Amino acid sequence: MSYGNANVARYREIEVLSLSPARRLVLLYTHLLSLLRQGHHAMLKEQRADRTVKLLKAHAILEELRFTLDHEEGGVIADSLSALYECFMGEVIQANKEGGEPARLARVIENVAELHEAFSQAAEQLEAMMPAQAAAGA
């Protein structure tokens, strides 16, 4: 990595760390969705190496999402998300196998896109509430 690239990487790291937890989650979902779509495209084009790279990265994000759930605080919602992530991980593994079905991966993409939209809306609502809460506390 050159000096310029190191600075860009450090800037991006600081930028991500300065995001609210809700915005970081949305960013993670954005990246997951992108990787799944790229993996699906590679699958359709029979580009095995590219498919594998993209889907392994997507699988790692799903693992991280599942691992970081707070079941104590999140209760039933965390349990449901955990089950969804586990299901998605299984589908990604199946899609990465030779002869995987693109339609199965497409369904995962649709579901992740719905979750992405829901978390995006929730993040916007939280951000809208923050100034009001700060003003009320002042």
N, C-alpha and C. Protein backbone atom coordinates (compact mmCIF):
# COMPACT_ATOMS: atom_id res chain seq x y z
N MET A 1 0.85 -1.17 0.00
CA MET A 1 0.00 0.00 0.00
C MET A 1 0.90 1.23 0.00
N SER A 2 0.65 2.14 -0.92
CA SER A 2 1.46 3.35 -0.97
C SER A 2 1.03 4.31 0.13
N TYR A 3 1.83 5.34 0.31
CA TYR A 3 1.56 6.33 1.35
C TYR A 3 0.19 6.98 1.14
N GLY A 4 -0.13 7.32 -0.11
CA GLY A 4 -1.43 7.94 -0.42
C GLY A 4 -2.59 7.01 -0.11
N ASN A 5 -2.45 5.73 -0.47
CA ASN A 5 -3.49 4.75 -0.19
C ASN A 5 -3.67 4.54 1.31
N ALA A 6 -2.57 4.59 2.04
CA ALA A 6 -2.64 4.43 3.49
C ALA A 6 -3.44 5.59 4.10
N ASN A 7 -3.23 6.79 3.61
CA ASN A 7 -3.97 7.95 4.11
C ASN A 7 -5.46 7.83 3.79
N VAL A 8 -5.77 7.38 2.58
CA VAL A 8 -7.17 7.21 2.17
C VAL A 8 -7.83 6.15 3.05
N ALA A 9 -7.12 5.06 3.27
CA ALA A 9 -7.67 3.99 4.11
C ALA A 9 -7.90 4.47 5.53
N ARG A 10 -6.97 5.22 6.06
CA ARG A 10 -7.11 5.75 7.43
C ARG A 10 -8.28 6.72 7.52
N TYR A 11 -8.42 7.58 6.50
CA TYR A 11 -9.53 8.53 6.47
C TYR A 11 -10.86 7.77 6.44
N ARG A 12 -10.96 6.73 5.61
CA ARG A 12 -12.19 5.94 5.54
C ARG A 12 -12.49 5.27 6.88
N GLU A 13 -11.44 4.77 7.53
CA GLU A 13 -11.62 4.13 8.83
C GLU A 13 -12.17 5.13 9.84
N ILE A 14 -11.61 6.31 9.88
CA ILE A 14 -12.08 7.35 10.81
C ILE A 14 -13.52 7.74 10.47
N GLU A 15 -13.80 7.85 9.18
CA GLU A 15 -15.15 8.21 8.74
C GLU A 15 -16.17 7.16 9.20
N VAL A 16 -15.84 5.88 9.03
CA VAL A 16 -16.74 4.80 9.44
C VAL A 16 -16.91 4.79 10.96
N LEU A 17 -15.81 4.95 11.69
CA LEU A 17 -15.88 4.92 13.14
C LEU A 17 -16.67 6.09 13.71
N SER A 18 -16.75 7.18 12.96
CA SER A 18 -17.49 8.35 13.44
C SER A 18 -18.99 8.23 13.17
N LEU A 19 -19.39 7.22 12.41
CA LEU A 19 -20.82 7.02 12.15
C LEU A 19 -21.52 6.49 13.40
N SER A 20 -22.79 6.75 13.47
CA SER A 20 -23.58 6.17 14.56
C SER A 20 -23.64 4.65 14.35
N PRO A 21 -23.90 3.89 15.41
CA PRO A 21 -24.03 2.44 15.24
C PRO A 21 -25.09 2.07 14.20
N ALA A 22 -26.18 2.82 14.16
CA ALA A 22 -27.24 2.53 13.18
C ALA A 22 -26.73 2.74 11.77
N ARG A 23 -25.98 3.81 11.54
CA ARG A 23 -25.43 4.10 10.20
C ARG A 23 -24.37 3.07 9.82
N ARG A 24 -23.58 2.61 10.80
CA ARG A 24 -22.59 1.57 10.50
C ARG A 24 -23.28 0.29 10.07
N LEU A 25 -24.40 -0.04 10.72
CA LEU A 25 -25.16 -1.22 10.35
C LEU A 25 -25.68 -1.09 8.92
N VAL A 26 -26.21 0.08 8.59
CA VAL A 26 -26.71 0.31 7.23
C VAL A 26 -25.56 0.18 6.22
N LEU A 27 -24.40 0.72 6.55
CA LEU A 27 -23.24 0.63 5.67
C LEU A 27 -22.82 -0.83 5.48
N LEU A 28 -22.85 -1.60 6.56
CA LEU A 28 -22.51 -3.01 6.48
C LEU A 28 -23.51 -3.76 5.58
N TYR A 29 -24.79 -3.46 5.74
CA TYR A 29 -25.81 -4.06 4.88
C TYR A 29 -25.62 -3.64 3.42
N THR A 30 -25.23 -2.39 3.19
CA THR A 30 -24.98 -1.92 1.82
C THR A 30 -23.86 -2.74 1.19
N HIS A 31 -22.80 -2.94 1.96
CA HIS A 31 -21.66 -3.72 1.47
C HIS A 31 -22.07 -5.19 1.24
N LEU A 32 -22.83 -5.75 2.16
CA LEU A 32 -23.31 -7.13 2.02
C LEU A 32 -24.13 -7.27 0.76
N LEU A 33 -25.04 -6.37 0.55
CA LEU A 33 -25.91 -6.41 -0.62
C LEU A 33 -25.09 -6.32 -1.91
N SER A 34 -24.11 -5.44 -1.91
CA SER A 34 -23.24 -5.29 -3.08
C SER A 34 -22.49 -6.59 -3.37
N LEU A 35 -21.93 -7.21 -2.34
CA LEU A 35 -21.20 -8.46 -2.52
C LEU A 35 -22.11 -9.57 -3.02
N LEU A 36 -23.31 -9.66 -2.47
CA LEU A 36 -24.25 -10.70 -2.92
C LEU A 36 -24.62 -10.50 -4.38
N ARG A 37 -24.86 -9.26 -4.77
CA ARG A 37 -25.21 -8.98 -6.16
C ARG A 37 -24.04 -9.29 -7.09
N GLN A 38 -22.84 -8.92 -6.67
CA GLN A 38 -21.65 -9.22 -7.48
C GLN A 38 -21.44 -10.74 -7.58
N GLY A 39 -21.65 -11.44 -6.47
CA GLY A 39 -21.52 -12.90 -6.49
C GLY A 39 -22.56 -13.54 -7.39
N HIS A 40 -23.78 -13.01 -7.35
CA HIS A 40 -24.85 -13.52 -8.22
C HIS A 40 -24.50 -13.29 -9.68
N HIS A 41 -24.00 -12.10 -9.99
CA HIS A 41 -23.60 -11.79 -11.36
C HIS A 41 -22.49 -12.74 -11.82
N ALA A 42 -21.50 -12.94 -10.97
CA ALA A 42 -20.39 -13.85 -11.30
C ALA A 42 -20.90 -15.27 -11.48
N MET A 43 -21.89 -15.64 -10.68
CA MET A 43 -22.49 -16.96 -10.79
C MET A 43 -23.15 -17.14 -12.15
N LEU A 44 -23.90 -16.14 -12.58
CA LEU A 44 -24.58 -16.19 -13.87
C LEU A 44 -23.58 -16.23 -15.04
N LYS A 45 -22.45 -15.56 -14.86
CA LYS A 45 -21.41 -15.50 -15.91
C LYS A 45 -20.44 -16.67 -15.81
N GLU A 46 -20.68 -17.56 -14.83
CA GLU A 46 -19.83 -18.73 -14.59
C GLU A 46 -18.38 -18.34 -14.32
N GLN A 47 -18.23 -17.27 -13.56
CA GLN A 47 -16.90 -16.80 -13.12
C GLN A 47 -16.68 -17.31 -11.70
N ARG A 48 -16.21 -18.54 -11.63
CA ARG A 48 -16.12 -19.24 -10.34
C ARG A 48 -15.25 -18.53 -9.32
N ALA A 49 -14.08 -18.08 -9.73
CA ALA A 49 -13.16 -17.45 -8.78
C ALA A 49 -13.77 -16.18 -8.19
N ASP A 50 -14.34 -15.35 -9.05
CA ASP A 50 -14.96 -14.10 -8.59
C ASP A 50 -16.17 -14.40 -7.70
N ARG A 51 -16.97 -15.37 -8.11
CA ARG A 51 -18.14 -15.78 -7.31
C ARG A 51 -17.70 -16.18 -5.91
N THR A 52 -16.66 -16.99 -5.84
CA THR A 52 -16.19 -17.50 -4.55
C THR A 52 -15.71 -16.36 -3.66
N VAL A 53 -14.92 -15.45 -4.21
CA VAL A 53 -14.40 -14.32 -3.43
C VAL A 53 -15.55 -13.49 -2.87
N LYS A 54 -16.49 -13.14 -3.73
CA LYS A 54 -17.61 -12.27 -3.30
C LYS A 54 -18.49 -12.97 -2.28
N LEU A 55 -18.80 -14.23 -2.51
CA LEU A 55 -19.71 -14.93 -1.60
C LEU A 55 -19.03 -15.27 -0.27
N LEU A 56 -17.74 -15.52 -0.27
CA LEU A 56 -17.05 -15.74 1.01
C LEU A 56 -17.03 -14.47 1.85
N LYS A 57 -16.83 -13.32 1.20
CA LYS A 57 -16.88 -12.05 1.93
C LYS A 57 -18.29 -11.79 2.46
N ALA A 58 -19.30 -12.08 1.64
CA ALA A 58 -20.69 -11.90 2.08
C ALA A 58 -20.98 -12.81 3.27
N HIS A 59 -20.51 -14.04 3.20
CA HIS A 59 -20.70 -14.99 4.30
C HIS A 59 -20.06 -14.47 5.58
N ALA A 60 -18.86 -13.89 5.46
CA ALA A 60 -18.16 -13.35 6.63
C ALA A 60 -18.95 -12.20 7.25
N ILE A 61 -19.56 -11.37 6.43
CA ILE A 61 -20.38 -10.27 6.96
C ILE A 61 -21.60 -10.83 7.68
N LEU A 62 -22.23 -11.83 7.10
CA LEU A 62 -23.39 -12.46 7.75
C LEU A 62 -22.99 -13.07 9.10
N GLU A 63 -21.82 -13.70 9.13
CA GLU A 63 -21.32 -14.26 10.40
C GLU A 63 -21.14 -13.16 11.44
N GLU A 64 -20.55 -12.05 11.01
CA GLU A 64 -20.32 -10.93 11.92
C GLU A 64 -21.65 -10.36 12.42
N LEU A 65 -22.60 -10.20 11.52
CA LEU A 65 -23.92 -9.70 11.92
C LEU A 65 -24.55 -10.63 12.95
N ARG A 66 -24.45 -11.91 12.71
CA ARG A 66 -25.04 -12.89 13.63
C ARG A 66 -24.30 -12.89 14.97
N PHE A 67 -22.98 -12.83 14.91
CA PHE A 67 -22.16 -12.88 16.12
C PHE A 67 -22.40 -11.66 17.02
N THR A 68 -22.65 -10.51 16.44
CA THR A 68 -22.76 -9.28 17.23
C THR A 68 -24.16 -9.00 17.76
N LEU A 69 -25.11 -9.88 17.47
CA LEU A 69 -26.46 -9.68 18.00
C LEU A 69 -26.44 -9.79 19.52
N ASP A 70 -27.18 -8.91 20.17
CA ASP A 70 -27.31 -8.93 21.62
C ASP A 70 -28.65 -9.60 21.95
N HIS A 71 -28.60 -10.89 22.23
CA HIS A 71 -29.83 -11.66 22.47
C HIS A 71 -30.51 -11.25 23.77
N GLU A 72 -29.73 -10.82 24.74
CA GLU A 72 -30.30 -10.40 26.01
C GLU A 72 -31.12 -9.12 25.82
N GLU A 73 -30.52 -8.15 25.15
CA GLU A 73 -31.19 -6.87 24.94
C GLU A 73 -32.21 -6.95 23.80
N GLY A 74 -31.89 -7.71 22.75
CA GLY A 74 -32.73 -7.77 21.55
C GLY A 74 -33.86 -8.77 21.61
N GLY A 75 -33.78 -9.71 22.53
CA GLY A 75 -34.85 -10.69 22.72
C GLY A 75 -35.25 -11.43 21.46
N VAL A 76 -36.56 -11.46 21.20
CA VAL A 76 -37.12 -12.21 20.09
C VAL A 76 -36.62 -11.69 18.75
N ILE A 77 -36.44 -10.38 18.64
CA ILE A 77 -35.96 -9.81 17.38
C ILE A 77 -34.55 -10.31 17.09
N ALA A 78 -33.68 -10.31 18.08
CA ALA A 78 -32.32 -10.81 17.89
C ALA A 78 -32.34 -12.29 17.53
N ASP A 79 -33.20 -13.05 18.18
CA ASP A 79 -33.31 -14.48 17.88
C ASP A 79 -33.77 -14.69 16.43
N SER A 80 -34.74 -13.90 16.00
CA SER A 80 -35.25 -14.01 14.63
C SER A 80 -34.18 -13.62 13.61
N LEU A 81 -33.46 -12.54 13.90
CA LEU A 81 -32.38 -12.13 12.99
C LEU A 81 -31.29 -13.19 12.93
N SER A 82 -30.97 -13.78 14.06
CA SER A 82 -29.96 -14.83 14.10
C SER A 82 -30.37 -15.99 13.20
N ALA A 83 -31.61 -16.41 13.29
CA ALA A 83 -32.11 -17.50 12.44
C ALA A 83 -32.06 -17.11 10.96
N LEU A 84 -32.42 -15.87 10.66
CA LEU A 84 -32.34 -15.39 9.28
C LEU A 84 -30.92 -15.41 8.76
N TYR A 85 -29.99 -14.88 9.56
CA TYR A 85 -28.59 -14.84 9.14
C TYR A 85 -28.06 -16.25 8.92
N GLU A 86 -28.43 -17.16 9.79
CA GLU A 86 -27.99 -18.55 9.65
C GLU A 86 -28.54 -19.14 8.35
N CYS A 87 -29.79 -18.87 8.07
CA CYS A 87 -30.40 -19.34 6.82
C CYS A 87 -29.68 -18.75 5.61
N PHE A 88 -29.42 -17.44 5.65
CA PHE A 88 -28.72 -16.77 4.55
C PHE A 88 -27.33 -17.37 4.36
N MET A 89 -26.63 -17.65 5.47
CA MET A 89 -25.29 -18.22 5.36
C MET A 89 -25.35 -19.58 4.66
N GLY A 90 -26.35 -20.39 5.02
CA GLY A 90 -26.51 -21.69 4.36
C GLY A 90 -26.77 -21.54 2.87
N GLU A 91 -27.58 -20.57 2.51
CA GLU A 91 -27.89 -20.34 1.09
C GLU A 91 -26.65 -19.85 0.34
N VAL A 92 -25.86 -19.01 0.98
CA VAL A 92 -24.64 -18.50 0.34
C VAL A 92 -23.66 -19.66 0.12
N ILE A 93 -23.55 -20.54 1.10
CA ILE A 93 -22.68 -21.72 0.94
C ILE A 93 -23.16 -22.58 -0.22
N GLN A 94 -24.47 -22.81 -0.28
CA GLN A 94 -25.03 -23.61 -1.39
C GLN A 94 -24.79 -22.94 -2.74
N ALA A 95 -24.93 -21.62 -2.78
CA ALA A 95 -24.74 -20.88 -4.02
C ALA A 95 -23.29 -20.95 -4.48
N ASN A 96 -22.37 -21.09 -3.54
CA ASN A 96 -20.96 -21.11 -3.88
C ASN A 96 -20.51 -22.48 -4.36
N LYS A 97 -21.34 -23.48 -4.17
CA LYS A 97 -20.99 -24.81 -4.64
C LYS A 97 -21.20 -24.90 -6.15
N GLU A 98 -20.49 -25.81 -6.76
CA GLU A 98 -20.64 -26.04 -8.19
C GLU A 98 -22.09 -26.44 -8.47
N GLY A 99 -22.70 -25.81 -9.44
CA GLY A 99 -24.09 -26.11 -9.77
C GLY A 99 -25.08 -25.42 -8.86
N GLY A 100 -24.63 -24.42 -8.09
CA GLY A 100 -25.53 -23.67 -7.22
C GLY A 100 -26.64 -23.01 -8.03
N GLU A 101 -27.75 -22.79 -7.39
CA GLU A 101 -28.91 -22.22 -8.08
C GLU A 101 -28.95 -20.71 -7.92
N PRO A 102 -28.84 -19.97 -9.02
CA PRO A 102 -28.90 -18.51 -8.95
C PRO A 102 -30.21 -17.99 -8.34
N ALA A 103 -31.30 -18.71 -8.55
CA ALA A 103 -32.60 -18.26 -8.02
C ALA A 103 -32.60 -18.26 -6.49
N ARG A 104 -31.91 -19.22 -5.88
CA ARG A 104 -31.84 -19.26 -4.42
C ARG A 104 -31.08 -18.05 -3.89
N LEU A 105 -29.98 -17.72 -4.56
CA LEU A 105 -29.20 -16.56 -4.14
C LEU A 105 -29.99 -15.27 -4.39
N ALA A 106 -30.76 -15.24 -5.45
CA ALA A 106 -31.60 -14.07 -5.75
C ALA A 106 -32.61 -13.83 -4.63
N ARG A 107 -33.15 -14.90 -4.06
CA ARG A 107 -34.09 -14.75 -2.93
C ARG A 107 -33.39 -14.18 -1.70
N VAL A 108 -32.16 -14.61 -1.46
CA VAL A 108 -31.38 -14.05 -0.34
C VAL A 108 -31.17 -12.55 -0.59
N ILE A 109 -30.83 -12.19 -1.81
CA ILE A 109 -30.60 -10.78 -2.15
C ILE A 109 -31.87 -9.97 -1.90
N GLU A 110 -33.02 -10.50 -2.29
CA GLU A 110 -34.29 -9.80 -2.05
C GLU A 110 -34.53 -9.60 -0.56
N ASN A 111 -34.29 -10.63 0.23
CA ASN A 111 -34.51 -10.53 1.68
C ASN A 111 -33.53 -9.56 2.33
N VAL A 112 -32.27 -9.61 1.92
CA VAL A 112 -31.27 -8.69 2.48
C VAL A 112 -31.61 -7.26 2.07
N ALA A 113 -32.10 -7.08 0.85
CA ALA A 113 -32.49 -5.74 0.39
C ALA A 113 -33.64 -5.20 1.24
N GLU A 114 -34.58 -6.04 1.61
CA GLU A 114 -35.69 -5.62 2.49
C GLU A 114 -35.16 -5.23 3.87
N LEU A 115 -34.26 -6.02 4.41
CA LEU A 115 -33.67 -5.69 5.71
C LEU A 115 -32.86 -4.40 5.62
N HIS A 116 -32.13 -4.23 4.55
CA HIS A 116 -31.35 -3.01 4.33
C HIS A 116 -32.27 -1.80 4.35
N GLU A 117 -33.37 -1.88 3.65
CA GLU A 117 -34.33 -0.76 3.59
C GLU A 117 -34.92 -0.49 4.99
N ALA A 118 -35.27 -1.55 5.70
CA ALA A 118 -35.85 -1.38 7.03
C ALA A 118 -34.85 -0.74 7.99
N PHE A 119 -33.60 -1.20 7.96
CA PHE A 119 -32.59 -0.61 8.84
C PHE A 119 -32.26 0.81 8.43
N SER A 120 -32.30 1.11 7.13
CA SER A 120 -32.06 2.49 6.66
C SER A 120 -33.13 3.42 7.20
N GLN A 121 -34.37 2.99 7.11
CA GLN A 121 -35.48 3.80 7.63
C GLN A 121 -35.38 3.98 9.14
N ALA A 122 -35.02 2.92 9.83
CA ALA A 122 -34.87 3.01 11.29
C ALA A 122 -33.74 3.98 11.66
N ALA A 123 -32.64 3.93 10.91
CA ALA A 123 -31.52 4.84 11.18
C ALA A 123 -31.94 6.29 10.95
N GLU A 124 -32.71 6.52 9.90
CA GLU A 124 -33.20 7.88 9.63
C GLU A 124 -34.11 8.36 10.76
N GLN A 125 -34.97 7.48 11.23
CA GLN A 125 -35.87 7.85 12.33
C GLN A 125 -35.09 8.15 13.60
N LEU A 126 -34.08 7.34 13.88
CA LEU A 126 -33.25 7.59 15.07
C LEU A 126 -32.53 8.93 14.96
N GLU A 127 -32.00 9.21 13.79
CA GLU A 127 -31.29 10.48 13.59
C GLU A 127 -32.23 11.67 13.73
N ALA A 128 -33.46 11.50 13.27
CA ALA A 128 -34.44 12.57 13.39
C ALA A 128 -34.83 12.80 14.84
N MET A 129 -34.82 11.75 15.64
CA MET A 129 -35.18 11.86 17.05
C MET A 129 -34.07 12.46 17.88
N MET A 130 -32.82 12.28 17.46
CA MET A 130 -31.67 12.72 18.25
C MET A 130 -31.69 14.22 18.54
N PRO A 131 -31.86 15.10 17.54
CA PRO A 131 -31.88 16.53 17.86
C PRO A 131 -33.03 16.89 18.81
N ALA A 132 -34.18 16.24 18.63
CA ALA A 132 -35.31 16.52 19.50
C ALA A 132 -35.01 16.11 20.94
N GLN A 133 -34.35 14.96 21.11
CA GLN A 133 -34.00 14.49 22.44
C GLN A 133 -32.95 15.41 23.07
N ALA A 134 -32.01 15.87 22.26
CA ALA A 134 -30.97 16.76 22.78
C ALA A 134 -31.58 18.08 23.22
N ALA A 135 -32.53 18.59 22.45
CA ALA A 135 -33.19 19.85 22.79
C ALA A 135 -34.04 19.69 24.06
N ALA A 136 -34.70 18.53 24.21
CA ALA A 136 -35.53 18.29 25.37
C ALA A 136 -34.69 18.19 26.64
N GLY A 137 -33.47 17.66 26.50
CA GLY A 137 -32.59 17.48 27.64
C GLY A 137 -31.88 18.77 28.04
N ALA A 138 -31.91 19.76 27.15
CA ALA A 138 -31.18 21.01 27.43
C ALA A 138 -31.94 21.94 28.34
